[in-house]
């Protein structure tokens, strides 16, 4: 398994171009990409798929499929097992994690042998501690249980206004802060690649990687 954590950004505005260029090195021809949309509302599924189909349009014969929440557990597991890439989209991470629990899909995701891509909320959900820092949606910072695929946390849509909060939260965990258009890749127990600016918060210290 390899993990890609994307901090955010608009596909159609070219803000993810550097990340998708890196992904071309990791996604083989004829790959089956399964989009996991549980972090958003069903009414948003179509627009997400339109954007992602454009983003993957330059990949050789890549096939995008949607893991609709109305499918049965067995149908979902079959789709996951028949895929090369899982792409967990953005939205509300607590909604994403709740549906993964309700559909009993955590084990299938944990055992997935291919490439796992988490965009925004999807990236947050990969972590042991899923951090929800203060913003318009969350008046107070929260730490909820994530999937536990890695022992660090990430901050998505990072900006410096969150530095004090991230510094405090980093006393108990390592946090990679990802601005829009930035990403990290993790495999075999280590972070082996970054795309654009990534900031590390650890033991209340801030470091540009």
N, C-alpha and C. Protein backbone atom coordinates (compact mmCIF):
# COMPACT_ATOMS: atom_id res chain seq x y z
N UNK A 1 0.84 -1.20 0.00
CA UNK A 1 0.00 0.00 0.00
C UNK A 1 0.87 1.25 0.00
N UNK A 2 0.47 2.22 -0.81
CA UNK A 2 1.08 3.54 -0.78
C UNK A 2 -0.03 4.55 -0.55
N UNK A 3 0.28 5.58 0.24
CA UNK A 3 -0.70 6.60 0.58
C UNK A 3 -0.28 7.94 0.01
N UNK A 4 -1.24 8.66 -0.55
CA UNK A 4 -1.04 10.03 -1.02
C UNK A 4 -2.01 10.93 -0.27
N UNK A 5 -1.47 11.94 0.41
CA UNK A 5 -2.26 12.89 1.17
C UNK A 5 -2.24 14.22 0.41
N UNK A 6 -3.40 14.69 -0.06
CA UNK A 6 -3.50 15.94 -0.81
C UNK A 6 -4.17 16.99 0.08
N UNK A 7 -3.52 18.16 0.20
CA UNK A 7 -4.02 19.19 1.11
C UNK A 7 -5.26 19.91 0.63
N UNK A 8 -5.50 19.93 -0.67
CA UNK A 8 -6.64 20.63 -1.24
C UNK A 8 -6.25 21.34 -2.52
N UNK A 9 -7.17 22.09 -3.06
CA UNK A 9 -6.93 22.80 -4.32
C UNK A 9 -7.96 22.43 -5.36
N UNK A 10 -8.11 23.29 -6.37
CA UNK A 10 -9.10 23.09 -7.42
C UNK A 10 -8.49 22.41 -8.63
N UNK A 11 -9.05 21.27 -8.99
CA UNK A 11 -8.58 20.52 -10.16
C UNK A 11 -8.69 21.36 -11.43
N UNK A 12 -9.84 21.98 -11.63
CA UNK A 12 -10.10 22.67 -12.90
C UNK A 12 -9.31 23.97 -13.03
N UNK A 13 -8.78 24.47 -11.93
CA UNK A 13 -7.95 25.67 -11.97
C UNK A 13 -6.46 25.35 -12.09
N UNK A 14 -6.16 24.08 -12.19
CA UNK A 14 -4.75 23.67 -12.35
C UNK A 14 -3.95 23.63 -11.07
N UNK A 15 -4.61 23.78 -9.92
CA UNK A 15 -3.88 23.83 -8.66
C UNK A 15 -3.34 22.47 -8.23
N UNK A 16 -3.83 21.40 -8.85
CA UNK A 16 -3.34 20.06 -8.51
C UNK A 16 -2.46 19.47 -9.61
N UNK A 17 -2.08 20.27 -10.57
CA UNK A 17 -1.32 19.76 -11.72
C UNK A 17 -0.04 19.06 -11.29
N UNK A 18 0.71 19.66 -10.36
CA UNK A 18 1.98 19.06 -9.93
C UNK A 18 1.75 17.72 -9.25
N UNK A 19 0.67 17.62 -8.50
CA UNK A 19 0.37 16.37 -7.81
C UNK A 19 -0.04 15.28 -8.79
N UNK A 20 -0.89 15.64 -9.76
CA UNK A 20 -1.33 14.64 -10.73
C UNK A 20 -0.18 14.24 -11.66
N UNK A 21 0.78 15.13 -11.87
CA UNK A 21 1.96 14.73 -12.63
C UNK A 21 2.75 13.67 -11.88
N UNK A 22 2.87 13.83 -10.58
CA UNK A 22 3.56 12.82 -9.76
C UNK A 22 2.76 11.52 -9.76
N UNK A 23 1.44 11.62 -9.71
CA UNK A 23 0.62 10.41 -9.70
C UNK A 23 0.73 9.62 -11.00
N UNK A 24 1.06 10.28 -12.11
CA UNK A 24 1.22 9.55 -13.37
C UNK A 24 2.36 8.53 -13.29
N UNK A 25 3.30 8.75 -12.38
CA UNK A 25 4.41 7.82 -12.20
C UNK A 25 4.00 6.60 -11.39
N UNK A 26 2.87 6.68 -10.75
CA UNK A 26 2.46 5.64 -9.82
C UNK A 26 1.21 4.88 -10.26
N UNK A 27 0.45 5.46 -11.17
CA UNK A 27 -0.78 4.83 -11.62
C UNK A 27 -0.55 4.23 -13.00
N UNK A 28 -0.67 2.92 -13.09
CA UNK A 28 -0.35 2.20 -14.32
C UNK A 28 -1.44 2.40 -15.37
N UNK A 29 -1.10 2.08 -16.61
CA UNK A 29 -2.10 2.11 -17.69
C UNK A 29 -3.24 1.15 -17.37
N UNK A 30 -4.44 1.51 -17.81
CA UNK A 30 -5.64 0.70 -17.62
C UNK A 30 -6.05 0.55 -16.16
N UNK A 31 -5.60 1.48 -15.33
CA UNK A 31 -5.91 1.39 -13.90
C UNK A 31 -7.40 1.62 -13.65
N UNK A 32 -7.90 0.91 -12.64
CA UNK A 32 -9.28 1.09 -12.19
C UNK A 32 -9.25 1.95 -10.93
N UNK A 33 -9.79 3.16 -11.03
CA UNK A 33 -9.80 4.12 -9.93
C UNK A 33 -11.20 4.16 -9.31
N UNK A 34 -11.28 3.86 -8.04
CA UNK A 34 -12.57 3.85 -7.35
C UNK A 34 -12.68 5.10 -6.48
N UNK A 35 -13.67 5.93 -6.76
CA UNK A 35 -13.89 7.17 -6.01
C UNK A 35 -14.80 6.89 -4.83
N UNK A 36 -14.31 7.22 -3.62
CA UNK A 36 -15.07 7.02 -2.39
C UNK A 36 -15.60 8.39 -1.96
N UNK A 37 -16.91 8.65 -2.14
CA UNK A 37 -17.45 10.01 -1.98
C UNK A 37 -18.17 10.27 -0.66
N UNK A 38 -17.94 9.41 0.34
CA UNK A 38 -18.78 9.44 1.54
C UNK A 38 -18.68 10.73 2.35
N UNK A 39 -17.65 11.56 2.12
CA UNK A 39 -17.49 12.78 2.90
C UNK A 39 -18.44 13.89 2.45
N UNK A 40 -19.10 13.71 1.32
CA UNK A 40 -19.99 14.74 0.81
C UNK A 40 -21.40 14.19 0.64
N UNK A 41 -22.32 15.05 0.24
CA UNK A 41 -23.71 14.65 0.05
C UNK A 41 -23.88 13.95 -1.31
N UNK A 42 -24.88 13.09 -1.39
CA UNK A 42 -25.14 12.36 -2.63
C UNK A 42 -25.39 13.33 -3.79
N UNK A 43 -25.98 14.46 -3.50
CA UNK A 43 -26.27 15.45 -4.55
C UNK A 43 -25.01 16.03 -5.19
N UNK A 44 -23.86 15.86 -4.52
CA UNK A 44 -22.59 16.38 -5.05
C UNK A 44 -21.79 15.34 -5.83
N UNK A 45 -22.27 14.11 -5.84
CA UNK A 45 -21.48 13.03 -6.45
C UNK A 45 -21.17 13.32 -7.92
N UNK A 46 -22.16 13.74 -8.68
CA UNK A 46 -21.96 13.92 -10.12
C UNK A 46 -20.90 14.98 -10.42
N UNK A 47 -20.95 16.10 -9.70
CA UNK A 47 -19.98 17.17 -9.97
C UNK A 47 -18.56 16.73 -9.63
N UNK A 48 -18.41 15.97 -8.55
CA UNK A 48 -17.09 15.43 -8.22
C UNK A 48 -16.59 14.51 -9.34
N UNK A 49 -17.45 13.66 -9.83
CA UNK A 49 -17.02 12.73 -10.88
C UNK A 49 -16.64 13.46 -12.16
N UNK A 50 -17.37 14.52 -12.51
CA UNK A 50 -17.03 15.31 -13.70
C UNK A 50 -15.63 15.89 -13.55
N UNK A 51 -15.34 16.48 -12.40
CA UNK A 51 -14.02 17.07 -12.17
C UNK A 51 -12.91 16.03 -12.18
N UNK A 52 -13.16 14.89 -11.54
CA UNK A 52 -12.11 13.87 -11.47
C UNK A 52 -11.88 13.20 -12.83
N UNK A 53 -12.94 13.03 -13.60
CA UNK A 53 -12.75 12.46 -14.94
C UNK A 53 -11.88 13.36 -15.80
N UNK A 54 -12.02 14.67 -15.62
CA UNK A 54 -11.15 15.58 -16.35
C UNK A 54 -9.72 15.47 -15.85
N UNK A 55 -9.57 15.38 -14.52
CA UNK A 55 -8.22 15.28 -13.95
C UNK A 55 -7.50 14.02 -14.40
N UNK A 56 -8.24 12.94 -14.57
CA UNK A 56 -7.63 11.66 -14.97
C UNK A 56 -7.69 11.44 -16.48
N UNK A 57 -8.12 12.43 -17.23
CA UNK A 57 -8.31 12.25 -18.68
C UNK A 57 -7.01 11.99 -19.43
N UNK A 58 -5.89 12.43 -18.87
CA UNK A 58 -4.60 12.22 -19.55
C UNK A 58 -3.96 10.88 -19.20
N UNK A 59 -4.56 10.14 -18.26
CA UNK A 59 -4.02 8.85 -17.87
C UNK A 59 -4.45 7.80 -18.90
N UNK A 60 -3.56 6.90 -19.23
CA UNK A 60 -3.82 5.92 -20.29
C UNK A 60 -4.92 4.95 -19.88
N UNK A 61 -6.09 5.14 -20.47
CA UNK A 61 -7.22 4.21 -20.28
C UNK A 61 -7.62 4.01 -18.82
N UNK A 62 -7.44 5.04 -17.99
CA UNK A 62 -7.89 4.93 -16.60
C UNK A 62 -9.42 4.91 -16.55
N UNK A 63 -9.97 4.03 -15.73
CA UNK A 63 -11.41 3.91 -15.56
C UNK A 63 -11.81 4.40 -14.18
N UNK A 64 -12.72 5.37 -14.13
CA UNK A 64 -13.21 5.88 -12.84
C UNK A 64 -14.58 5.31 -12.53
N UNK A 65 -14.71 4.78 -11.32
CA UNK A 65 -15.99 4.26 -10.86
C UNK A 65 -16.32 4.88 -9.51
N UNK A 66 -17.60 4.89 -9.16
CA UNK A 66 -18.06 5.53 -7.94
C UNK A 66 -18.55 4.48 -6.94
N UNK A 67 -18.10 4.60 -5.70
CA UNK A 67 -18.57 3.72 -4.63
C UNK A 67 -19.79 4.37 -3.98
N UNK A 68 -20.95 4.17 -4.57
CA UNK A 68 -22.17 4.83 -4.10
C UNK A 68 -22.59 4.25 -2.76
N UNK A 69 -23.04 5.11 -1.86
CA UNK A 69 -23.37 4.65 -0.50
C UNK A 69 -24.60 3.76 -0.46
N UNK A 70 -25.37 3.71 -1.53
CA UNK A 70 -26.55 2.84 -1.58
C UNK A 70 -26.21 1.38 -1.89
N UNK A 71 -24.99 1.10 -2.25
CA UNK A 71 -24.59 -0.28 -2.56
C UNK A 71 -24.54 -1.11 -1.28
N UNK A 72 -24.68 -2.41 -1.43
CA UNK A 72 -24.56 -3.29 -0.27
C UNK A 72 -23.10 -3.42 0.14
N UNK A 73 -22.87 -3.92 1.35
CA UNK A 73 -21.51 -4.13 1.84
C UNK A 73 -20.73 -5.04 0.90
N UNK A 74 -21.34 -6.13 0.44
CA UNK A 74 -20.65 -7.06 -0.45
C UNK A 74 -20.32 -6.42 -1.78
N UNK A 75 -21.25 -5.61 -2.31
CA UNK A 75 -20.99 -4.92 -3.58
C UNK A 75 -19.84 -3.93 -3.43
N UNK A 76 -19.80 -3.25 -2.29
CA UNK A 76 -18.71 -2.31 -2.04
C UNK A 76 -17.37 -3.03 -1.93
N UNK A 77 -17.35 -4.11 -1.19
CA UNK A 77 -16.10 -4.87 -1.03
C UNK A 77 -15.62 -5.41 -2.37
N UNK A 78 -16.53 -5.87 -3.20
CA UNK A 78 -16.15 -6.38 -4.52
C UNK A 78 -15.52 -5.27 -5.37
N UNK A 79 -16.11 -4.08 -5.33
CA UNK A 79 -15.55 -2.96 -6.09
C UNK A 79 -14.17 -2.57 -5.58
N UNK A 80 -14.01 -2.52 -4.26
CA UNK A 80 -12.70 -2.19 -3.68
C UNK A 80 -11.66 -3.22 -4.10
N UNK A 81 -12.01 -4.48 -4.00
CA UNK A 81 -11.05 -5.55 -4.33
C UNK A 81 -10.72 -5.59 -5.81
N UNK A 82 -11.58 -5.03 -6.65
CA UNK A 82 -11.36 -5.03 -8.09
C UNK A 82 -10.73 -3.73 -8.57
N UNK A 83 -10.20 -2.91 -7.66
CA UNK A 83 -9.65 -1.61 -8.02
C UNK A 83 -8.14 -1.56 -7.78
N UNK A 84 -7.50 -0.66 -8.52
CA UNK A 84 -6.06 -0.42 -8.35
C UNK A 84 -5.78 0.80 -7.48
N UNK A 85 -6.73 1.74 -7.48
CA UNK A 85 -6.57 3.00 -6.76
C UNK A 85 -7.88 3.33 -6.05
N UNK A 86 -7.79 3.76 -4.79
CA UNK A 86 -8.94 4.32 -4.09
C UNK A 86 -8.71 5.81 -3.91
N UNK A 87 -9.71 6.62 -4.26
CA UNK A 87 -9.61 8.08 -4.15
C UNK A 87 -10.71 8.56 -3.22
N UNK A 88 -10.34 8.95 -2.00
CA UNK A 88 -11.29 9.44 -1.01
C UNK A 88 -11.37 10.96 -1.13
N UNK A 89 -12.55 11.47 -1.47
CA UNK A 89 -12.69 12.88 -1.79
C UNK A 89 -12.90 13.73 -0.53
N UNK A 90 -13.06 15.04 -0.75
CA UNK A 90 -13.20 15.98 0.35
C UNK A 90 -14.63 16.15 0.82
N UNK A 91 -14.76 16.93 1.88
CA UNK A 91 -16.05 17.18 2.50
C UNK A 91 -15.89 17.18 4.01
N UNK A 92 -16.71 16.41 4.68
CA UNK A 92 -16.66 16.35 6.15
C UNK A 92 -16.08 14.99 6.57
N UNK A 93 -14.92 15.00 7.21
CA UNK A 93 -14.27 13.73 7.56
C UNK A 93 -15.07 12.87 8.52
N UNK A 94 -15.83 13.51 9.42
CA UNK A 94 -16.62 12.72 10.37
C UNK A 94 -17.72 11.94 9.64
N UNK A 95 -18.27 12.51 8.58
CA UNK A 95 -19.27 11.81 7.77
C UNK A 95 -18.63 10.64 7.03
N UNK A 96 -17.46 10.88 6.49
CA UNK A 96 -16.72 9.82 5.80
C UNK A 96 -16.43 8.66 6.73
N UNK A 97 -15.90 8.95 7.90
CA UNK A 97 -15.53 7.90 8.85
C UNK A 97 -16.76 7.17 9.38
N UNK A 98 -17.84 7.89 9.59
CA UNK A 98 -19.08 7.25 10.06
C UNK A 98 -19.61 6.25 9.05
N UNK A 99 -19.61 6.62 7.77
CA UNK A 99 -20.12 5.71 6.74
C UNK A 99 -19.19 4.50 6.55
N UNK A 100 -17.89 4.72 6.65
CA UNK A 100 -16.95 3.60 6.56
C UNK A 100 -17.22 2.60 7.69
N UNK A 101 -17.52 3.13 8.87
CA UNK A 101 -17.84 2.25 10.01
C UNK A 101 -19.17 1.55 9.80
N UNK A 102 -20.18 2.30 9.37
CA UNK A 102 -21.50 1.71 9.17
C UNK A 102 -21.48 0.62 8.11
N UNK A 103 -20.71 0.84 7.04
CA UNK A 103 -20.63 -0.13 5.95
C UNK A 103 -19.59 -1.22 6.21
N UNK A 104 -18.89 -1.13 7.36
CA UNK A 104 -17.89 -2.13 7.75
C UNK A 104 -16.82 -2.29 6.68
N UNK A 105 -16.28 -1.14 6.23
CA UNK A 105 -15.29 -1.15 5.16
C UNK A 105 -13.87 -0.88 5.63
N UNK A 106 -13.69 -0.63 6.93
CA UNK A 106 -12.36 -0.26 7.42
C UNK A 106 -11.32 -1.32 7.10
N UNK A 107 -11.66 -2.58 7.31
CA UNK A 107 -10.69 -3.66 7.06
C UNK A 107 -10.32 -3.74 5.58
N UNK A 108 -11.31 -3.58 4.71
CA UNK A 108 -11.02 -3.62 3.27
C UNK A 108 -10.08 -2.49 2.86
N UNK A 109 -10.26 -1.32 3.47
CA UNK A 109 -9.38 -0.19 3.16
C UNK A 109 -7.99 -0.42 3.75
N UNK A 110 -7.93 -0.89 4.99
CA UNK A 110 -6.65 -1.16 5.64
C UNK A 110 -5.82 -2.19 4.89
N UNK A 111 -6.50 -3.17 4.28
CA UNK A 111 -5.80 -4.26 3.58
C UNK A 111 -5.63 -4.00 2.09
N UNK A 112 -6.05 -2.82 1.63
CA UNK A 112 -5.97 -2.53 0.20
C UNK A 112 -4.52 -2.48 -0.25
N UNK A 113 -4.13 -3.25 -1.27
CA UNK A 113 -2.72 -3.34 -1.65
C UNK A 113 -2.24 -2.25 -2.60
N UNK A 114 -3.17 -1.48 -3.16
CA UNK A 114 -2.80 -0.50 -4.18
C UNK A 114 -2.51 0.87 -3.63
N UNK A 115 -2.82 1.89 -4.41
CA UNK A 115 -2.58 3.29 -4.05
C UNK A 115 -3.85 3.88 -3.44
N UNK A 116 -3.69 4.46 -2.26
CA UNK A 116 -4.79 5.16 -1.58
C UNK A 116 -4.52 6.66 -1.67
N UNK A 117 -5.45 7.40 -2.26
CA UNK A 117 -5.32 8.84 -2.38
C UNK A 117 -6.40 9.49 -1.51
N UNK A 118 -5.98 10.38 -0.62
CA UNK A 118 -6.92 11.11 0.20
C UNK A 118 -6.83 12.59 -0.12
N UNK A 119 -7.96 13.16 -0.52
CA UNK A 119 -8.03 14.58 -0.81
C UNK A 119 -8.75 15.29 0.33
N UNK A 120 -8.09 16.22 0.99
CA UNK A 120 -8.69 17.01 2.07
C UNK A 120 -9.26 16.09 3.15
N UNK A 121 -10.57 15.99 3.28
CA UNK A 121 -11.17 15.12 4.30
C UNK A 121 -10.69 13.68 4.18
N UNK A 122 -10.48 13.23 2.94
CA UNK A 122 -9.97 11.88 2.73
C UNK A 122 -8.59 11.70 3.33
N UNK A 123 -7.74 12.72 3.21
CA UNK A 123 -6.40 12.66 3.79
C UNK A 123 -6.47 12.64 5.31
N UNK A 124 -7.33 13.47 5.87
CA UNK A 124 -7.49 13.49 7.33
C UNK A 124 -7.89 12.12 7.87
N UNK A 125 -8.77 11.44 7.15
CA UNK A 125 -9.32 10.16 7.63
C UNK A 125 -8.28 9.06 7.69
N UNK A 126 -7.21 9.15 6.91
CA UNK A 126 -6.18 8.11 6.92
C UNK A 126 -5.45 8.03 8.26
N UNK A 127 -5.43 9.13 8.99
CA UNK A 127 -4.56 9.25 10.17
C UNK A 127 -5.16 8.59 11.40
N UNK A 128 -4.32 8.28 12.36
CA UNK A 128 -4.79 7.76 13.65
C UNK A 128 -5.61 8.81 14.36
N UNK A 129 -5.08 10.03 14.43
CA UNK A 129 -5.80 11.17 14.99
C UNK A 129 -6.22 12.07 13.84
N UNK A 130 -7.51 12.18 13.62
CA UNK A 130 -8.06 13.03 12.56
C UNK A 130 -8.30 14.42 13.17
N UNK A 131 -7.50 15.39 12.75
CA UNK A 131 -7.56 16.74 13.33
C UNK A 131 -8.53 17.62 12.55
N UNK A 132 -9.44 18.24 13.27
CA UNK A 132 -10.35 19.22 12.69
C UNK A 132 -10.07 20.55 13.37
N UNK A 133 -9.25 21.39 12.74
CA UNK A 133 -8.89 22.66 13.33
C UNK A 133 -9.99 23.69 13.09
N UNK A 134 -9.94 24.76 13.84
CA UNK A 134 -11.00 25.77 13.83
C UNK A 134 -11.17 26.38 12.43
N UNK A 135 -12.43 26.45 11.99
CA UNK A 135 -12.77 27.16 10.76
C UNK A 135 -14.26 27.46 10.79
N UNK A 136 -14.83 27.81 9.66
CA UNK A 136 -16.26 28.14 9.63
C UNK A 136 -17.15 26.95 10.02
N UNK A 137 -16.67 25.73 9.74
CA UNK A 137 -17.46 24.54 10.05
C UNK A 137 -17.23 24.03 11.47
N UNK A 138 -16.06 24.31 12.03
CA UNK A 138 -15.70 23.78 13.35
C UNK A 138 -15.24 24.94 14.25
N UNK A 139 -16.14 25.44 15.11
CA UNK A 139 -15.79 26.59 15.96
C UNK A 139 -14.70 26.29 16.97
N UNK A 140 -14.52 25.02 17.29
CA UNK A 140 -13.44 24.60 18.19
C UNK A 140 -12.70 23.42 17.55
N UNK A 141 -11.42 23.33 17.83
CA UNK A 141 -10.65 22.22 17.28
C UNK A 141 -11.11 20.90 17.89
N UNK A 142 -11.12 19.86 17.06
CA UNK A 142 -11.53 18.53 17.49
C UNK A 142 -10.49 17.51 17.06
N UNK A 143 -10.36 16.45 17.83
CA UNK A 143 -9.55 15.30 17.44
C UNK A 143 -10.45 14.08 17.51
N UNK A 144 -10.69 13.45 16.35
CA UNK A 144 -11.53 12.26 16.33
C UNK A 144 -10.71 11.07 15.83
N UNK A 145 -11.21 9.88 16.09
CA UNK A 145 -10.48 8.67 15.70
C UNK A 145 -10.56 8.48 14.20
N UNK A 146 -9.38 8.36 13.56
CA UNK A 146 -9.33 8.10 12.14
C UNK A 146 -9.13 6.61 11.86
N UNK A 147 -8.75 6.30 10.62
CA UNK A 147 -8.56 4.90 10.23
C UNK A 147 -7.27 4.30 10.78
N UNK A 148 -6.34 5.15 11.19
CA UNK A 148 -5.11 4.65 11.80
C UNK A 148 -4.14 4.01 10.83
N UNK A 149 -4.15 4.43 9.57
CA UNK A 149 -3.21 3.87 8.60
C UNK A 149 -1.80 4.40 8.80
N UNK A 150 -1.68 5.58 9.44
CA UNK A 150 -0.38 6.16 9.76
C UNK A 150 -0.44 6.71 11.18
N UNK A 151 0.74 6.91 11.80
CA UNK A 151 0.77 7.38 13.19
C UNK A 151 0.92 8.89 13.30
N UNK A 152 0.94 9.60 12.16
CA UNK A 152 1.00 11.06 12.20
C UNK A 152 -0.36 11.63 11.79
N UNK A 153 -0.49 12.95 11.89
CA UNK A 153 -1.71 13.63 11.46
C UNK A 153 -1.36 14.63 10.36
N UNK A 154 -2.38 15.09 9.65
CA UNK A 154 -2.18 16.13 8.64
C UNK A 154 -3.15 17.28 8.88
N UNK A 155 -2.74 18.45 8.46
CA UNK A 155 -3.60 19.63 8.42
C UNK A 155 -3.80 19.97 6.95
N UNK A 156 -5.04 20.01 6.49
CA UNK A 156 -5.31 20.30 5.07
C UNK A 156 -5.74 21.76 4.92
N UNK A 157 -5.62 22.27 3.69
CA UNK A 157 -5.92 23.69 3.42
C UNK A 157 -5.14 24.59 4.38
N UNK A 158 -3.90 24.25 4.63
CA UNK A 158 -3.11 24.95 5.65
C UNK A 158 -2.90 26.42 5.31
N UNK A 159 -3.00 27.27 6.34
CA UNK A 159 -2.49 28.63 6.27
C UNK A 159 -1.94 29.02 7.63
N UNK A 160 -1.12 30.04 7.66
CA UNK A 160 -0.37 30.38 8.88
C UNK A 160 -1.26 30.80 10.04
N UNK A 161 -2.50 31.15 9.77
CA UNK A 161 -3.40 31.53 10.85
C UNK A 161 -3.62 30.40 11.86
N UNK A 162 -3.34 29.16 11.44
CA UNK A 162 -3.54 27.99 12.31
C UNK A 162 -2.28 27.61 13.08
N UNK A 163 -1.20 28.38 12.95
CA UNK A 163 0.09 27.96 13.52
C UNK A 163 0.03 27.74 15.03
N UNK A 164 -0.59 28.65 15.77
CA UNK A 164 -0.63 28.49 17.23
C UNK A 164 -1.40 27.22 17.62
N UNK A 165 -2.50 27.00 16.94
CA UNK A 165 -3.31 25.82 17.22
C UNK A 165 -2.56 24.54 16.88
N UNK A 166 -1.90 24.53 15.72
CA UNK A 166 -1.14 23.36 15.30
C UNK A 166 0.06 23.11 16.22
N UNK A 167 0.68 24.19 16.67
CA UNK A 167 1.80 24.04 17.61
C UNK A 167 1.34 23.34 18.88
N UNK A 168 0.20 23.75 19.42
CA UNK A 168 -0.33 23.12 20.63
C UNK A 168 -0.68 21.66 20.38
N UNK A 169 -1.35 21.39 19.27
CA UNK A 169 -1.74 20.01 18.94
C UNK A 169 -0.53 19.12 18.69
N UNK A 170 0.58 19.71 18.26
CA UNK A 170 1.77 18.91 17.93
C UNK A 170 2.52 18.43 19.16
N UNK A 171 2.09 18.84 20.35
CA UNK A 171 2.75 18.34 21.56
C UNK A 171 2.49 16.86 21.75
N UNK A 172 1.41 16.35 21.15
CA UNK A 172 1.04 14.94 21.33
C UNK A 172 1.17 14.12 20.05
N UNK A 173 1.56 14.76 18.93
CA UNK A 173 1.60 14.05 17.65
C UNK A 173 2.39 14.86 16.63
N UNK A 174 2.88 14.19 15.60
CA UNK A 174 3.53 14.86 14.48
C UNK A 174 2.46 15.25 13.47
N UNK A 175 2.53 16.48 12.95
CA UNK A 175 1.52 16.98 12.03
C UNK A 175 2.20 17.53 10.78
N UNK A 176 1.80 17.03 9.62
CA UNK A 176 2.25 17.59 8.34
C UNK A 176 1.17 18.54 7.84
N UNK A 177 1.51 19.81 7.69
CA UNK A 177 0.57 20.83 7.24
C UNK A 177 0.70 20.99 5.73
N UNK A 178 -0.43 20.85 5.03
CA UNK A 178 -0.45 20.82 3.57
C UNK A 178 -1.30 21.96 3.03
N UNK A 179 -0.67 22.98 2.44
CA UNK A 179 -1.46 24.01 1.76
C UNK A 179 -2.13 23.42 0.51
N UNK A 180 -3.10 24.14 -0.03
CA UNK A 180 -3.70 23.71 -1.29
C UNK A 180 -2.60 23.56 -2.35
N UNK A 181 -2.69 22.48 -3.12
CA UNK A 181 -1.69 22.23 -4.15
C UNK A 181 -0.47 21.46 -3.67
N UNK A 182 -0.46 21.05 -2.39
CA UNK A 182 0.67 20.30 -1.83
C UNK A 182 0.22 18.89 -1.46
N UNK A 183 1.19 17.99 -1.41
CA UNK A 183 0.88 16.60 -1.07
C UNK A 183 2.11 15.91 -0.51
N UNK A 184 1.88 14.83 0.21
CA UNK A 184 2.95 13.93 0.64
C UNK A 184 2.58 12.51 0.25
N UNK A 185 3.62 11.71 0.01
CA UNK A 185 3.46 10.29 -0.32
C UNK A 185 4.16 9.47 0.76
N UNK A 186 3.48 8.42 1.21
CA UNK A 186 3.96 7.60 2.34
C UNK A 186 3.92 6.14 1.94
N UNK A 187 5.02 5.44 2.19
CA UNK A 187 5.09 4.02 1.84
C UNK A 187 6.14 3.34 2.71
N UNK A 188 5.84 2.11 3.11
CA UNK A 188 6.78 1.28 3.87
C UNK A 188 7.30 2.00 5.11
N UNK A 189 6.39 2.65 5.80
CA UNK A 189 6.73 3.26 7.08
C UNK A 189 7.42 4.60 7.03
N UNK A 190 7.48 5.21 5.87
CA UNK A 190 8.15 6.51 5.81
C UNK A 190 7.57 7.41 4.72
N UNK A 191 7.72 8.69 4.96
CA UNK A 191 7.36 9.69 3.97
C UNK A 191 8.50 9.77 2.96
N UNK A 192 8.21 9.46 1.69
CA UNK A 192 9.30 9.35 0.72
C UNK A 192 9.23 10.40 -0.39
N UNK A 193 8.15 11.20 -0.43
CA UNK A 193 8.04 12.19 -1.49
C UNK A 193 7.10 13.29 -1.05
N UNK A 194 7.45 14.54 -1.36
CA UNK A 194 6.53 15.65 -1.14
C UNK A 194 6.39 16.42 -2.44
N UNK A 195 5.24 17.06 -2.60
CA UNK A 195 4.97 17.91 -3.76
C UNK A 195 4.63 19.30 -3.25
N UNK A 196 5.45 20.27 -3.62
CA UNK A 196 5.29 21.67 -3.20
C UNK A 196 5.47 21.81 -1.69
N UNK A 197 5.05 22.93 -1.13
CA UNK A 197 5.38 23.27 0.26
C UNK A 197 4.69 22.34 1.26
N UNK A 198 5.49 21.83 2.19
CA UNK A 198 4.96 21.01 3.29
C UNK A 198 5.64 21.50 4.56
N UNK A 199 4.85 21.69 5.61
CA UNK A 199 5.36 22.20 6.88
C UNK A 199 5.13 21.14 7.96
N UNK A 200 6.15 20.89 8.75
CA UNK A 200 6.05 19.92 9.84
C UNK A 200 5.91 20.63 11.17
N UNK A 201 4.92 20.22 11.96
CA UNK A 201 4.78 20.66 13.34
C UNK A 201 5.03 19.45 14.23
N UNK A 202 6.00 19.59 15.12
CA UNK A 202 6.33 18.48 16.02
C UNK A 202 6.92 19.03 17.30
N UNK A 203 6.41 18.56 18.44
CA UNK A 203 6.87 19.01 19.76
C UNK A 203 6.84 20.53 19.86
N UNK A 204 5.77 21.12 19.34
CA UNK A 204 5.53 22.56 19.38
C UNK A 204 6.53 23.38 18.56
N UNK A 205 7.19 22.71 17.62
CA UNK A 205 8.12 23.41 16.74
C UNK A 205 7.62 23.31 15.30
N UNK A 206 7.91 24.34 14.52
CA UNK A 206 7.49 24.42 13.13
C UNK A 206 8.72 24.34 12.23
N UNK A 207 8.65 23.47 11.23
CA UNK A 207 9.78 23.27 10.32
C UNK A 207 9.30 23.15 8.89
N UNK A 208 9.89 23.92 8.00
CA UNK A 208 9.59 23.80 6.57
C UNK A 208 10.39 22.64 5.99
N UNK A 209 9.72 21.69 5.35
CA UNK A 209 10.43 20.53 4.79
C UNK A 209 10.94 20.84 3.38
